[in-house]
């Protein structure tokens, strides 16, 4: 299994979805995509601050020895470096992911911990003219300073995330690209496809770029064979 971290256990990995209180259809597609890749999926909805924090702490205390990867997907509102719970309390992304780091969760040591977040990370709009992701985006103060973490954002730090009456395009494209290319392509390649699809959105005023922040040490290919 060259390029994968850890050995597969009956083709199963695990993933947890927090706070899917909107966009049920796309959330369902995302669930289906991860299940097709061999993940065990558990869904939580409308978690308030206390329950959101408690749920992540529970994962830090759980035994993940039989699994090779931890994935958490969150759909909510947010601001720079924070996600809002259902009772509108801001939670630092760095604090939210801390319970599953290697120190607090030894059974996930050396294993990839992937987070995908559909939430605004600021108030600026990504205008097609004048937006340069390399120069205009704010630095990322909340990426975990240890190995084996990946953070995928529906936008770039400091900017809003696109949502419309059809749901969240980032979640739609993430589910589609993972289902189609997850078994054969490295995660970085899959996420580049997601970013490209976001940029293809037909919007005269705004361009839409997702962003990824990684401390992964190896390629991640969701091959369950």
Protein backbone atom coordinates (compact mmCIF):
# COMPACT_ATOMS: atom_id res chain seq x y z
CA UNK A 1 0.00 0.00 0.00
CA UNK A 2 2.63 2.49 -1.08
CA UNK A 3 1.69 6.10 -0.40
CA UNK A 4 -0.82 5.30 2.34
CA UNK A 5 -0.42 5.87 6.05
CA UNK A 6 -1.15 2.78 8.13
CA UNK A 7 -2.71 -0.51 7.09
CA UNK A 8 -6.34 -0.96 6.16
CA UNK A 9 -8.62 -2.87 8.54
CA UNK A 10 -11.30 -4.64 6.50
CA UNK A 11 -11.39 -1.62 4.22
CA UNK A 12 -12.83 0.60 6.95
CA UNK A 13 -11.79 4.02 8.06
CA UNK A 14 -13.78 6.48 10.09
CA UNK A 15 -15.16 9.91 9.78
CA UNK A 16 -17.38 12.19 11.77
CA UNK A 17 -19.62 14.95 10.49
CA UNK A 18 -20.41 17.80 12.87
CA UNK A 19 -23.10 20.44 12.67
CA UNK A 20 -24.83 19.59 9.38
CA UNK A 21 -27.75 21.91 10.13
CA UNK A 22 -28.20 23.11 6.55
CA UNK A 23 -27.78 21.76 3.03
CA UNK A 24 -29.07 18.29 3.85
CA UNK A 25 -28.88 17.13 0.25
CA UNK A 26 -25.20 17.93 -0.21
CA UNK A 27 -24.44 16.57 3.25
CA UNK A 28 -26.04 13.33 2.14
CA UNK A 29 -23.93 13.28 -1.01
CA UNK A 30 -20.83 13.84 1.07
CA UNK A 31 -21.81 10.99 3.35
CA UNK A 32 -22.32 8.70 0.35
CA UNK A 33 -18.94 9.68 -1.07
CA UNK A 34 -17.08 8.80 2.10
CA UNK A 35 -19.01 5.57 2.57
CA UNK A 36 -18.07 4.57 -0.98
CA UNK A 37 -14.43 5.07 0.04
CA UNK A 38 -14.80 2.67 2.96
CA UNK A 39 -15.46 5.10 5.79
CA UNK A 40 -17.73 4.51 8.74
CA UNK A 41 -19.89 7.63 8.98
CA UNK A 42 -21.60 9.17 12.00
CA UNK A 43 -23.63 12.38 11.64
CA UNK A 44 -24.34 15.05 14.25
CA UNK A 45 -26.77 17.94 13.69
CA UNK A 46 -27.36 21.33 15.33
CA UNK A 47 -24.70 20.96 18.00
CA UNK A 48 -24.47 23.82 20.45
CA UNK A 49 -21.10 24.97 21.80
CA UNK A 50 -21.00 22.56 24.73
CA UNK A 51 -21.98 19.54 22.65
CA UNK A 52 -19.68 20.43 19.77
CA UNK A 53 -16.68 20.64 22.10
CA UNK A 54 -17.77 17.52 23.99
CA UNK A 55 -18.17 15.53 20.78
CA UNK A 56 -14.61 16.28 19.70
CA UNK A 57 -13.28 15.50 23.17
CA UNK A 58 -15.09 12.17 23.01
CA UNK A 59 -13.25 11.40 19.79
CA UNK A 60 -9.97 12.21 21.46
CA UNK A 61 -10.75 9.69 24.20
CA UNK A 62 -11.94 6.98 21.79
CA UNK A 63 -9.77 4.07 20.65
CA UNK A 64 -9.02 4.47 16.94
CA UNK A 65 -6.53 1.60 16.78
CA UNK A 66 -8.53 -0.31 14.16
CA UNK A 67 -8.78 2.69 11.86
CA UNK A 68 -6.27 4.43 9.63
CA UNK A 69 -7.73 7.88 9.14
CA UNK A 70 -9.93 10.40 10.96
CA UNK A 71 -12.05 12.84 8.96
CA UNK A 72 -14.31 15.59 10.28
CA UNK A 73 -16.56 17.67 8.02
CA UNK A 74 -18.33 20.74 9.33
CA UNK A 75 -21.01 22.90 7.74
CA UNK A 76 -21.82 26.03 9.68
CA UNK A 77 -21.23 29.77 9.80
CA UNK A 78 -17.85 31.19 10.71
CA UNK A 79 -15.39 34.03 10.82
CA UNK A 80 -11.61 34.25 10.68
CA UNK A 81 -10.23 31.14 12.39
CA UNK A 82 -13.56 30.27 14.02
CA UNK A 83 -16.68 28.19 13.50
CA UNK A 84 -20.04 29.04 15.07
CA UNK A 85 -22.05 26.45 16.97
CA UNK A 86 -25.84 26.31 16.69
CA UNK A 87 -26.13 28.71 19.65
CA UNK A 88 -23.88 31.23 17.84
CA UNK A 89 -20.78 30.74 19.98
CA UNK A 90 -17.49 31.03 18.10
CA UNK A 91 -15.10 28.10 18.47
CA UNK A 92 -11.45 28.38 17.46
CA UNK A 93 -10.66 25.84 14.75
CA UNK A 94 -7.33 25.14 16.41
CA UNK A 95 -9.03 24.36 19.71
CA UNK A 96 -11.67 22.23 18.02
CA UNK A 97 -9.13 19.93 16.38
CA UNK A 98 -6.78 19.74 19.35
CA UNK A 99 -8.50 16.74 21.04
CA UNK A 100 -7.43 14.43 18.19
CA UNK A 101 -3.76 15.41 18.07
CA UNK A 102 -1.12 12.79 18.76
CA UNK A 103 -0.62 13.79 22.39
CA UNK A 104 -4.27 13.76 23.39
CA UNK A 105 -5.27 10.83 21.17
CA UNK A 106 -2.39 8.31 20.96
CA UNK A 107 -4.39 5.90 18.79
CA UNK A 108 -4.37 8.53 16.00
CA UNK A 109 -0.63 9.18 16.25
CA UNK A 110 0.97 9.02 12.81
CA UNK A 111 -2.42 8.78 11.11
CA UNK A 112 -3.95 11.44 8.85
CA UNK A 113 -6.49 13.71 10.49
CA UNK A 114 -8.50 15.51 7.82
CA UNK A 115 -10.88 18.43 8.38
CA UNK A 116 -13.16 19.93 5.71
CA UNK A 117 -15.03 23.10 6.66
CA UNK A 118 -17.86 24.86 4.85
CA UNK A 119 -18.03 28.21 6.64
CA UNK A 120 -17.10 31.84 6.03
CA UNK A 121 -13.67 32.87 7.25
CA UNK A 122 -14.15 36.62 7.02
CA UNK A 123 -16.32 39.27 5.40
CA UNK A 124 -14.49 40.08 2.16
CA UNK A 125 -15.84 38.89 -1.18
CA UNK A 126 -13.60 37.15 -3.67
CA UNK A 127 -14.01 39.58 -6.58
CA UNK A 128 -12.89 38.32 -9.98
CA UNK A 129 -10.97 41.55 -10.48
CA UNK A 130 -8.37 42.43 -7.92
CA UNK A 131 -8.41 39.20 -5.91
CA UNK A 132 -5.08 37.46 -5.85
CA UNK A 133 -5.20 34.51 -3.48
CA UNK A 134 -1.43 34.50 -3.10
CA UNK A 135 -1.17 38.12 -1.98
CA UNK A 136 -4.57 39.12 -0.61
CA UNK A 137 -5.45 36.13 1.55
CA UNK A 138 -4.64 36.45 5.21
CA UNK A 139 -2.11 34.11 6.83
CA UNK A 140 -3.52 31.03 8.52
CA UNK A 141 -3.08 31.32 12.30
CA UNK A 142 -5.10 28.23 13.12
CA UNK A 143 -3.42 25.36 11.29
CA UNK A 144 -2.19 22.80 13.76
CA UNK A 145 1.56 22.99 14.37
CA UNK A 146 2.17 19.26 14.22
CA UNK A 147 2.33 16.58 11.55
CA UNK A 148 -0.46 14.63 9.88
CA UNK A 149 -3.19 17.29 9.77
CA UNK A 150 -5.09 18.55 6.72
CA UNK A 151 -7.52 21.47 6.70
CA UNK A 152 -9.70 22.11 3.67
CA UNK A 153 -11.68 25.38 3.63
CA UNK A 154 -14.53 26.40 1.34
CA UNK A 155 -12.86 29.81 1.02
CA UNK A 156 -9.56 31.52 1.81
CA UNK A 157 -8.86 33.08 5.23
CA UNK A 158 -10.46 36.51 5.53
CA UNK A 159 -13.15 35.86 2.93
CA UNK A 160 -16.75 34.67 2.74
CA UNK A 161 -17.70 31.19 1.56
CA UNK A 162 -20.21 30.86 -1.25
CA UNK A 163 -23.69 29.60 -0.43
CA UNK A 164 -26.84 29.87 -2.53
CA UNK A 165 -30.33 28.42 -2.85
CA UNK A 166 -28.86 25.21 -4.23
CA UNK A 167 -26.61 24.71 -1.22
CA UNK A 168 -22.85 24.91 -0.87
CA UNK A 169 -20.84 24.43 -4.09
CA UNK A 170 -17.73 23.46 -2.11
CA UNK A 171 -19.51 20.53 -0.48
CA UNK A 172 -21.04 19.50 -3.80
CA UNK A 173 -17.70 19.46 -5.63
CA UNK A 174 -15.87 17.90 -2.69
CA UNK A 175 -18.31 14.99 -2.61
CA UNK A 176 -18.22 14.55 -6.38
CA UNK A 177 -14.43 14.67 -6.73
CA UNK A 178 -13.86 12.35 -3.76
CA UNK A 179 -16.31 9.78 -5.11
CA UNK A 180 -14.84 9.89 -8.62
CA UNK A 181 -11.13 10.28 -7.95
CA UNK A 182 -10.57 9.44 -4.28
CA UNK A 183 -9.73 5.77 -4.96
CA UNK A 184 -7.10 6.58 -7.60
CA UNK A 185 -5.73 10.06 -6.94
CA UNK A 186 -3.79 11.59 -4.07
CA UNK A 187 -5.80 13.90 -1.81
CA UNK A 188 -3.82 16.95 -2.96
CA UNK A 189 -4.80 16.23 -6.58
CA UNK A 190 -8.45 15.74 -5.61
CA UNK A 191 -8.49 19.04 -3.73
CA UNK A 192 -6.89 20.82 -6.70
CA UNK A 193 -9.82 19.56 -8.78
CA UNK A 194 -12.24 20.93 -6.18
CA UNK A 195 -10.53 24.32 -6.28
CA UNK A 196 -10.68 24.33 -10.08
CA UNK A 197 -14.40 23.51 -10.05
CA UNK A 198 -15.02 26.32 -7.57
CA UNK A 199 -13.22 28.76 -9.85
CA UNK A 200 -15.43 27.69 -12.77
CA UNK A 201 -18.60 28.91 -11.03
CA UNK A 202 -20.39 31.25 -13.43
CA UNK A 203 -20.48 34.47 -11.46
CA UNK A 204 -19.71 37.77 -13.18
CA UNK A 205 -18.84 39.63 -9.99
CA UNK A 206 -17.10 37.06 -7.85
CA UNK A 207 -14.46 34.39 -8.23
CA UNK A 208 -14.51 31.53 -5.76
CA UNK A 209 -11.37 29.82 -4.52
CA UNK A 210 -11.19 27.15 -1.84
CA UNK A 211 -7.98 26.63 0.12
CA UNK A 212 -6.03 23.80 1.70
CA UNK A 213 -3.53 23.78 4.54
CA UNK A 214 -1.56 20.63 5.19
CA UNK A 215 1.08 19.11 7.44
CA UNK A 216 0.59 15.65 5.96
CA UNK A 217 3.81 13.70 5.51
CA UNK A 218 2.63 11.17 2.94
CA UNK A 219 0.23 10.86 0.06
CA UNK A 220 -3.35 9.98 0.93
CA UNK A 221 -5.19 7.72 -1.51
CA UNK A 222 -8.52 6.26 -0.40
CA UNK A 223 -7.99 2.82 -1.91
CA UNK A 224 -9.91 0.24 0.11
CA UNK A 225 -8.68 -2.79 -1.85
